[in-house]
Amino acid sequence: MPSLFRFLMVVAVLSAMTAGGLYILSEYFEPDPREVTQPVSGVKVRRQ
């Protein structure tokens, strides 16, 4: 039984580190918003 608890603790710590890292990346390293327009080849736009 102690090995099960040890395994669950290792999984919990790894999950918490992953979630914390993703949270820090999403909060502190946001990209600058900018508009990107590129023509799509092979598509005709109908003008009304």
PDB file of N, CA and C in Angstrom:
ATOM      1  N   MET A   1       0.796  -1.198   0.000  1.00  0.00           N
ATOM      2  CA  MET A   1       0.000   0.000   0.000  1.00  0.00           C
ATOM      3  C   MET A   1       0.848   1.276   0.000  1.00  0.00           C
ATOM      4  N   PRO A   2       1.969   1.335   0.701  1.00  0.00           N
ATOM      5  CA  PRO A   2       2.766   2.573   0.670  1.00  0.00           C
ATOM      6  C   PRO A   2       3.254   2.927  -0.730  1.00  0.00           C
ATOM      7  N   SER A   3       3.513   1.921  -1.574  1.00  0.00           N
ATOM      8  CA  SER A   3       3.984   2.236  -2.923  1.00  0.00           C
ATOM      9  C   SER A   3       2.873   2.893  -3.742  1.00  0.00           C
ATOM     10  N   LEU A   4       1.602   2.546  -3.465  1.00  0.00           N
ATOM     11  CA  LEU A   4       0.484   3.180  -4.156  1.00  0.00           C
ATOM     12  C   LEU A   4       0.411   4.653  -3.770  1.00  0.00           C
ATOM     13  N   PHE A   5       0.540   4.949  -2.491  1.00  0.00           N
ATOM     14  CA  PHE A   5       0.510   6.341  -2.047  1.00  0.00           C
ATOM     15  C   PHE A   5       1.683   7.131  -2.611  1.00  0.00           C
ATOM     16  N   ARG A   6       2.834   6.521  -2.664  1.00  0.00           N
ATOM     17  CA  ARG A   6       4.008   7.188  -3.228  1.00  0.00           C
ATOM     18  C   ARG A   6       3.787   7.493  -4.708  1.00  0.00           C
ATOM     19  N   PHE A   7       3.241   6.533  -5.434  1.00  0.00           N
ATOM     20  CA  PHE A   7       2.946   6.733  -6.853  1.00  0.00           C
ATOM     21  C   PHE A   7       1.933   7.858  -7.042  1.00  0.00           C
ATOM     22  N   LEU A   8       0.856   7.851  -6.248  1.00  0.00           N
ATOM     23  CA  LEU A   8      -0.146   8.906  -6.359  1.00  0.00           C
ATOM     24  C   LEU A   8       0.422  10.277  -6.014  1.00  0.00           C
ATOM     25  N   MET A   9       1.313  10.338  -5.048  1.00  0.00           N
ATOM     26  CA  MET A   9       1.939  11.619  -4.700  1.00  0.00           C
ATOM     27  C   MET A   9       2.836  12.114  -5.837  1.00  0.00           C
ATOM     28  N   VAL A  10       3.583  11.225  -6.462  1.00  0.00           N
ATOM     29  CA  VAL A  10       4.439  11.614  -7.586  1.00  0.00           C
ATOM     30  C   VAL A  10       3.582  12.108  -8.745  1.00  0.00           C
ATOM     31  N   VAL A  11       2.495  11.422  -9.039  1.00  0.00           N
ATOM     32  CA  VAL A  11       1.593  11.844 -10.110  1.00  0.00           C
ATOM     33  C   VAL A  11       0.966  13.189  -9.777  1.00  0.00           C
ATOM     34  N   ALA A  12       0.568  13.387  -8.526  1.00  0.00           N
ATOM     35  CA  ALA A  12      -0.038  14.654  -8.106  1.00  0.00           C
ATOM     36  C   ALA A  12       0.964  15.801  -8.207  1.00  0.00           C
ATOM     37  N   VAL A  13       2.198  15.577  -7.804  1.00  0.00           N
ATOM     38  CA  VAL A  13       3.222  16.632  -7.871  1.00  0.00           C
ATOM     39  C   VAL A  13       3.531  16.980  -9.325  1.00  0.00           C
ATOM     40  N   LEU A  14       3.662  15.982 -10.180  1.00  0.00           N
ATOM     41  CA  LEU A  14       3.924  16.247 -11.593  1.00  0.00           C
ATOM     42  C   LEU A  14       2.760  16.981 -12.248  1.00  0.00           C
ATOM     43  N   SER A  15       1.544  16.603 -11.897  1.00  0.00           N
ATOM     44  CA  SER A  15       0.370  17.284 -12.446  1.00  0.00           C
ATOM     45  C   SER A  15       0.308  18.733 -11.973  1.00  0.00           C
ATOM     46  N   ALA A  16       0.597  18.965 -10.706  1.00  0.00           N
ATOM     47  CA  ALA A  16       0.586  20.326 -10.164  1.00  0.00           C
ATOM     48  C   ALA A  16       1.674  21.184 -10.820  1.00  0.00           C
ATOM     49  N   MET A  17       2.846  20.617 -11.051  1.00  0.00           N
ATOM     50  CA  MET A  17       3.914  21.371 -11.709  1.00  0.00           C
ATOM     51  C   MET A  17       3.534  21.705 -13.145  1.00  0.00           C
ATOM     52  N   THR A  18       2.927  20.773 -13.845  1.00  0.00           N
ATOM     53  CA  THR A  18       2.499  21.024 -15.216  1.00  0.00           C
ATOM     54  C   THR A  18       1.421  22.095 -15.264  1.00  0.00           C
ATOM     55  N   ALA A  19       0.429  21.990 -14.390  1.00  0.00           N
ATOM     56  CA  ALA A  19      -0.648  22.981 -14.356  1.00  0.00           C
ATOM     57  C   ALA A  19      -0.098  24.353 -13.973  1.00  0.00           C
ATOM     58  N   GLY A  20       0.805  24.405 -13.016  1.00  0.00           N
ATOM     59  CA  GLY A  20       1.406  25.679 -12.613  1.00  0.00           C
ATOM     60  C   GLY A  20       2.229  26.292 -13.733  1.00  0.00           C
ATOM     61  N   GLY A  21       2.980  25.478 -14.428  1.00  0.00           N
ATOM     62  CA  GLY A  21       3.771  25.983 -15.552  1.00  0.00           C
ATOM     63  C   GLY A  21       2.902  26.523 -16.665  1.00  0.00           C
ATOM     64  N   LEU A  22       1.816  25.821 -16.972  1.00  0.00           N
ATOM     65  CA  LEU A  22       0.898  26.306 -18.003  1.00  0.00           C
ATOM     66  C   LEU A  22       0.226  27.601 -17.575  1.00  0.00           C
ATOM     67  N   TYR A  23      -0.122  27.712 -16.299  1.00  0.00           N
ATOM     68  CA  TYR A  23      -0.738  28.941 -15.796  1.00  0.00           C
ATOM     69  C   TYR A  23       0.227  30.113 -15.905  1.00  0.00           C
ATOM     70  N   ILE A  24       1.469  29.906 -15.505  1.00  0.00           N
ATOM     71  CA  ILE A  24       2.468  30.982 -15.574  1.00  0.00           C
ATOM     72  C   ILE A  24       2.708  31.388 -17.021  1.00  0.00           C
ATOM     73  N   LEU A  25       2.810  30.416 -17.923  1.00  0.00           N
ATOM     74  CA  LEU A  25       3.007  30.748 -19.332  1.00  0.00           C
ATOM     75  C   LEU A  25       1.827  31.521 -19.899  1.00  0.00           C
ATOM     76  N   SER A  26       0.608  31.165 -19.499  1.00  0.00           N
ATOM     77  CA  SER A  26      -0.568  31.845 -20.060  1.00  0.00           C
ATOM     78  C   SER A  26      -0.747  33.238 -19.470  1.00  0.00           C
ATOM     79  N   GLU A  27      -0.318  33.466 -18.250  1.00  0.00           N
ATOM     80  CA  GLU A  27      -0.535  34.767 -17.619  1.00  0.00           C
ATOM     81  C   GLU A  27       0.574  35.770 -17.924  1.00  0.00           C
ATOM     82  N   TYR A  28       1.803  35.338 -17.961  1.00  0.00           N
ATOM     83  CA  TYR A  28       2.925  36.276 -18.056  1.00  0.00           C
ATOM     84  C   TYR A  28       3.545  36.378 -19.442  1.00  0.00           C
ATOM     85  N   PHE A  29       3.244  35.478 -20.333  1.00  0.00           N
ATOM     86  CA  PHE A  29       3.868  35.490 -21.651  1.00  0.00           C
ATOM     87  C   PHE A  29       2.820  35.518 -22.752  1.00  0.00           C
ATOM     88  N   GLU A  30       1.917  36.500 -22.716  1.00  0.00           N
ATOM     89  CA  GLU A  30       0.888  36.621 -23.745  1.00  0.00           C
ATOM     90  C   GLU A  30       1.480  37.256 -24.995  1.00  0.00           C
ATOM     91  N   PRO A  31       1.136  36.758 -26.172  1.00  0.00           N
ATOM     92  CA  PRO A  31       1.647  37.355 -27.406  1.00  0.00           C
ATOM     93  C   PRO A  31       0.960  38.691 -27.685  1.00  0.00           C
ATOM     94  N   ASP A  32       1.628  39.556 -28.437  1.00  0.00           N
ATOM     95  CA  ASP A  32       1.041  40.824 -28.835  1.00  0.00           C
ATOM     96  C   ASP A  32      -0.020  40.564 -29.899  1.00  0.00           C
ATOM     97  N   PRO A  33      -1.240  41.078 -29.707  1.00  0.00           N
ATOM     98  CA  PRO A  33      -2.274  40.856 -30.722  1.00  0.00           C
ATOM     99  C   PRO A  33      -1.989  41.661 -31.981  1.00  0.00           C
ATOM    100  N   ARG A  34      -2.145  41.037 -33.114  1.00  0.00           N
ATOM    101  CA  ARG A  34      -1.956  41.721 -34.391  1.00  0.00           C
ATOM    102  C   ARG A  34      -2.801  41.024 -35.444  1.00  0.00           C
ATOM    103  N   GLU A  35      -3.157  41.766 -36.447  1.00  0.00           N
ATOM    104  CA  GLU A  35      -4.009  41.231 -37.502  1.00  0.00           C
ATOM    105  C   GLU A  35      -3.140  40.734 -38.649  1.00  0.00           C
ATOM    106  N   VAL A  36      -3.415  39.530 -39.094  1.00  0.00           N
ATOM    107  CA  VAL A  36      -2.658  38.932 -40.183  1.00  0.00           C
ATOM    108  C   VAL A  36      -3.633  38.617 -41.317  1.00  0.00           C
ATOM    109  N   THR A  37      -3.352  39.148 -42.490  1.00  0.00           N
ATOM    110  CA  THR A  37      -4.179  38.840 -43.653  1.00  0.00           C
ATOM    111  C   THR A  37      -3.287  38.261 -44.739  1.00  0.00           C
ATOM    112  N   GLN A  38      -3.711  37.139 -45.275  1.00  0.00           N
ATOM    113  CA  GLN A  38      -2.974  36.496 -46.354  1.00  0.00           C
ATOM    114  C   GLN A  38      -3.984  36.032 -47.398  1.00  0.00           C
ATOM    115  N   PRO A  39      -3.656  36.208 -48.664  1.00  0.00           N
ATOM    116  CA  PRO A  39      -4.574  35.709 -49.692  1.00  0.00           C
ATOM    117  C   PRO A  39      -4.536  34.182 -49.760  1.00  0.00           C
ATOM    118  N   VAL A  40      -5.700  33.600 -50.009  1.00  0.00           N
ATOM    119  CA  VAL A  40      -5.802  32.148 -50.148  1.00  0.00           C
ATOM    120  C   VAL A  40      -5.844  31.833 -51.629  1.00  0.00           C
ATOM    121  N   SER A  41      -4.888  31.031 -52.085  1.00  0.00           N
ATOM    122  CA  SER A  41      -4.826  30.735 -53.505  1.00  0.00           C
ATOM    123  C   SER A  41      -5.939  29.771 -53.901  1.00  0.00           C
ATOM    124  N   GLY A  42      -6.512  29.994 -55.086  1.00  0.00           N
ATOM    125  CA  GLY A  42      -7.524  29.098 -55.609  1.00  0.00           C
ATOM    126  C   GLY A  42      -8.943  29.409 -55.150  1.00  0.00           C
ATOM    127  N   VAL A  43      -9.141  30.525 -54.446  1.00  0.00           N
ATOM    128  CA  VAL A  43     -10.464  30.872 -53.953  1.00  0.00           C
ATOM    129  C   VAL A  43     -10.871  32.197 -54.595  1.00  0.00           C
ATOM    130  N   LYS A  44     -12.059  32.194 -55.243  1.00  0.00           N
ATOM    131  CA  LYS A  44     -12.559  33.424 -55.859  1.00  0.00           C
ATOM    132  C   LYS A  44     -13.598  34.048 -54.925  1.00  0.00           C
ATOM    133  N   VAL A  45     -13.485  35.336 -54.724  1.00  0.00           N
ATOM    134  CA  VAL A  45     -14.423  36.054 -53.877  1.00  0.00           C
ATOM    135  C   VAL A  45     -15.445  36.746 -54.748  1.00  0.00           C
ATOM    136  N   ARG A  46     -16.720  36.459 -54.504  1.00  0.00           N
ATOM    137  CA  ARG A  46     -17.780  37.115 -55.268  1.00  0.00           C
ATOM    138  C   ARG A  46     -18.097  38.451 -54.628  1.00  0.00           C
ATOM    139  N   ARG A  47     -18.112  39.489 -55.418  1.00  0.00           N
ATOM    140  CA  ARG A  47     -18.471  40.821 -54.926  1.00  0.00           C
ATOM    141  C   ARG A  47     -19.891  41.118 -55.350  1.00  0.00           C
ATOM    142  N   GLN A  48     -20.693  41.586 -54.429  1.00  0.00           N
ATOM    143  CA  GLN A  48     -22.092  41.856 -54.723  1.00  0.00           C
ATOM    144  C   GLN A  48     -22.345  43.323 -54.933  1.00  0.00           C
TER     145      GLN A  48
END
